[in-house]
Amino acid sequence: MTLAELLVRLGSFGLDLTWRVGFDEIVDPRCVEMERRSANAGMDTLTLLSLTTPFLQLIDAEARGFAEDKLVLVLTEFDSSSWDVRAVDERVLSELRHHYPGAEYL
């Protein structure tokens, strides 16, 4: 599953968020651009989505979504294969569970 896919699955909840993205390892030039745009005020969801094509590989990345100045969503990617999703709104997690019924829930 890609970051782009997760962003789309967030639906309207994710649309108005401001994102700050960080990486432990830079493996693609777009990662540099995401970090640059994350500096200071962050970037909107559509900008982040435009930088996350289906073939973008991320290794140990964290995308933090803010509503105004409050952290409301954290997407943590591990080794380009699995995601940890933390959200303040249980409806977001329920929606993701609906789309990914085989996912493990902790």
C-alpha atoms as a PDB file:
ATOM      1  CA  MET A   1       0.000   0.000   0.000  1.00  0.00           C
ATOM      2  CA  THR A   2       1.314   3.435  -0.896  1.00  0.00           C
ATOM      3  CA  LEU A   3       1.080   6.779   0.847  1.00  0.00           C
ATOM      4  CA  ALA A   4      -1.042   8.028  -2.059  1.00  0.00           C
ATOM      5  CA  GLU A   5      -3.500   5.181  -1.513  1.00  0.00           C
ATOM      6  CA  LEU A   6      -3.780   5.960   2.190  1.00  0.00           C
ATOM      7  CA  LEU A   7      -4.305   9.658   1.507  1.00  0.00           C
ATOM      8  CA  VAL A   8      -7.137   8.885  -0.900  1.00  0.00           C
ATOM      9  CA  ARG A   9      -8.757   6.491   1.598  1.00  0.00           C
ATOM     10  CA  LEU A  10      -8.841   9.254   4.213  1.00  0.00           C
ATOM     11  CA  GLY A  11     -11.516  10.952   2.152  1.00  0.00           C
ATOM     12  CA  SER A  12     -12.856  14.274   3.363  1.00  0.00           C
ATOM     13  CA  PHE A  13     -11.172  13.885   6.759  1.00  0.00           C
ATOM     14  CA  GLY A  14      -7.739  14.186   5.196  1.00  0.00           C
ATOM     15  CA  LEU A  15      -8.547  16.832   2.627  1.00  0.00           C
ATOM     16  CA  ASP A  16      -8.182  19.865   4.899  1.00  0.00           C
ATOM     17  CA  LEU A  17      -5.118  18.701   6.796  1.00  0.00           C
ATOM     18  CA  THR A  18      -1.696  20.299   6.700  1.00  0.00           C
ATOM     19  CA  TRP A  19       1.132  17.784   6.413  1.00  0.00           C
ATOM     20  CA  ARG A  20       4.680  17.559   7.642  1.00  0.00           C
ATOM     21  CA  VAL A  21       6.643  14.588   6.330  1.00  0.00           C
ATOM     22  CA  GLY A  22       9.999  13.270   7.489  1.00  0.00           C
ATOM     23  CA  PHE A  23      12.220  10.375   6.458  1.00  0.00           C
ATOM     24  CA  ASP A  24      14.952   8.348   8.099  1.00  0.00           C
ATOM     25  CA  GLU A  25      16.293   7.463   4.675  1.00  0.00           C
ATOM     26  CA  ILE A  26      16.011   9.456   1.435  1.00  0.00           C
ATOM     27  CA  VAL A  27      15.571   7.077  -1.499  1.00  0.00           C
ATOM     28  CA  ASP A  28      13.889   9.364  -4.045  1.00  0.00           C
ATOM     29  CA  PRO A  29      14.345  13.044  -4.988  1.00  0.00           C
ATOM     30  CA  ARG A  30      10.654  13.631  -4.227  1.00  0.00           C
ATOM     31  CA  CYS A  31      11.426  12.898  -0.585  1.00  0.00           C
ATOM     32  CA  VAL A  32      13.702  15.937  -0.512  1.00  0.00           C
ATOM     33  CA  GLU A  33      10.903  18.040  -1.990  1.00  0.00           C
ATOM     34  CA  MET A  34       8.410  16.720   0.582  1.00  0.00           C
ATOM     35  CA  GLU A  35      10.771  17.597   3.433  1.00  0.00           C
ATOM     36  CA  ARG A  36      11.353  21.049   1.956  1.00  0.00           C
ATOM     37  CA  ARG A  37       7.614  21.699   1.661  1.00  0.00           C
ATOM     38  CA  SER A  38       7.075  20.307   5.175  1.00  0.00           C
ATOM     39  CA  ALA A  39       9.324  22.962   6.687  1.00  0.00           C
ATOM     40  CA  ASN A  40       7.595  25.802   8.497  1.00  0.00           C
ATOM     41  CA  ALA A  41       3.857  25.722   7.766  1.00  0.00           C
ATOM     42  CA  GLY A  42       3.726  22.332   6.017  1.00  0.00           C
ATOM     43  CA  MET A  43       1.841  21.445   2.840  1.00  0.00           C
ATOM     44  CA  ASP A  44      -1.777  20.767   1.985  1.00  0.00           C
ATOM     45  CA  THR A  45      -3.094  17.310   1.161  1.00  0.00           C
ATOM     46  CA  LEU A  46      -3.319  17.873  -2.594  1.00  0.00           C
ATOM     47  CA  THR A  47       0.312  18.982  -2.734  1.00  0.00           C
ATOM     48  CA  LEU A  48       1.393  15.911  -0.786  1.00  0.00           C
ATOM     49  CA  LEU A  49      -0.724  13.703  -2.997  1.00  0.00           C
ATOM     50  CA  SER A  50       0.872  15.212  -6.112  1.00  0.00           C
ATOM     51  CA  LEU A  51       4.302  14.203  -4.796  1.00  0.00           C
ATOM     52  CA  THR A  52       3.299  10.611  -4.007  1.00  0.00           C
ATOM     53  CA  THR A  53       2.980   8.689  -7.234  1.00  0.00           C
ATOM     54  CA  PRO A  54       2.336   4.930  -7.184  1.00  0.00           C
ATOM     55  CA  PHE A  55       6.029   4.153  -7.744  1.00  0.00           C
ATOM     56  CA  LEU A  56       7.372   6.312  -4.911  1.00  0.00           C
ATOM     57  CA  GLN A  57       9.325   4.155  -2.474  1.00  0.00           C
ATOM     58  CA  LEU A  58       9.485   5.315   1.133  1.00  0.00           C
ATOM     59  CA  ILE A  59      11.625   3.838   3.861  1.00  0.00           C
ATOM     60  CA  ASP A  60      10.860   4.711   7.475  1.00  0.00           C
ATOM     61  CA  ALA A  61       8.737   7.739   6.689  1.00  0.00           C
ATOM     62  CA  GLU A  62       6.324   9.615   8.919  1.00  0.00           C
ATOM     63  CA  ALA A  63       3.538  11.870   7.647  1.00  0.00           C
ATOM     64  CA  ARG A  64       1.901  13.972  10.349  1.00  0.00           C
ATOM     65  CA  GLY A  65      -1.464  15.567   9.571  1.00  0.00           C
ATOM     66  CA  PHE A  66      -2.544  18.704  11.415  1.00  0.00           C
ATOM     67  CA  ALA A  67      -5.961  20.345  11.665  1.00  0.00           C
ATOM     68  CA  GLU A  68      -5.075  23.946  12.374  1.00  0.00           C
ATOM     69  CA  ASP A  69      -2.204  23.442  14.845  1.00  0.00           C
ATOM     70  CA  LYS A  70      -3.453  20.194  16.385  1.00  0.00           C
ATOM     71  CA  LEU A  71      -1.878  16.864  15.418  1.00  0.00           C
ATOM     72  CA  VAL A  72      -4.776  14.603  14.384  1.00  0.00           C
ATOM     73  CA  LEU A  73      -3.230  11.875  12.234  1.00  0.00           C
ATOM     74  CA  VAL A  74       0.121  10.099  11.995  1.00  0.00           C
ATOM     75  CA  LEU A  75       0.985   7.716   9.168  1.00  0.00           C
ATOM     76  CA  THR A  76       4.238   5.860   9.824  1.00  0.00           C
ATOM     77  CA  GLU A  77       5.689   3.673   7.089  1.00  0.00           C
ATOM     78  CA  PHE A  78       8.194   0.924   7.830  1.00  0.00           C
ATOM     79  CA  ASP A  79      10.593  -0.397   5.213  1.00  0.00           C
ATOM     80  CA  SER A  80       8.297   0.227   2.237  1.00  0.00           C
ATOM     81  CA  SER A  81       5.900  -2.529   3.263  1.00  0.00           C
ATOM     82  CA  SER A  82       3.680  -1.694   6.232  1.00  0.00           C
ATOM     83  CA  TRP A  83       1.971   1.279   7.842  1.00  0.00           C
ATOM     84  CA  ASP A  84       1.066   2.284  11.374  1.00  0.00           C
ATOM     85  CA  VAL A  85      -1.923   4.643  11.466  1.00  0.00           C
ATOM     86  CA  ARG A  86      -2.808   6.702  14.520  1.00  0.00           C
ATOM     87  CA  ALA A  87      -5.797   9.032  14.437  1.00  0.00           C
ATOM     88  CA  VAL A  88      -7.730  11.086  16.957  1.00  0.00           C
ATOM     89  CA  ASP A  89     -10.976  10.296  15.114  1.00  0.00           C
ATOM     90  CA  GLU A  90     -12.040   6.649  15.378  1.00  0.00           C
ATOM     91  CA  ARG A  91     -14.102   7.048  12.191  1.00  0.00           C
ATOM     92  CA  VAL A  92     -10.877   7.357  10.206  1.00  0.00           C
ATOM     93  CA  LEU A  93      -9.611   4.064  11.574  1.00  0.00           C
ATOM     94  CA  SER A  94     -12.992   2.410  10.940  1.00  0.00           C
ATOM     95  CA  GLU A  95     -12.932   3.562   7.326  1.00  0.00           C
ATOM     96  CA  LEU A  96      -9.438   2.158   6.828  1.00  0.00           C
ATOM     97  CA  ARG A  97     -10.484  -1.139   8.444  1.00  0.00           C
ATOM     98  CA  HIS A  98     -13.373  -1.310   5.986  1.00  0.00           C
ATOM     99  CA  HIS A  99     -11.043  -0.925   2.987  1.00  0.00           C
ATOM    100  CA  TYR A 100      -8.279  -3.160   4.377  1.00  0.00           C
ATOM    101  CA  PRO A 101     -10.007  -5.990   6.257  1.00  0.00           C
ATOM    102  CA  GLY A 102      -6.844  -8.118   6.301  1.00  0.00           C
ATOM    103  CA  ALA A 103      -4.861  -5.490   8.182  1.00  0.00           C
ATOM    104  CA  GLU A 104      -3.601  -6.202  11.680  1.00  0.00           C
ATOM    105  CA  TYR A 105      -4.935  -3.966  14.425  1.00  0.00           C
ATOM    106  CA  LEU A 106      -3.035  -3.313  17.619  1.00  0.00           C
END
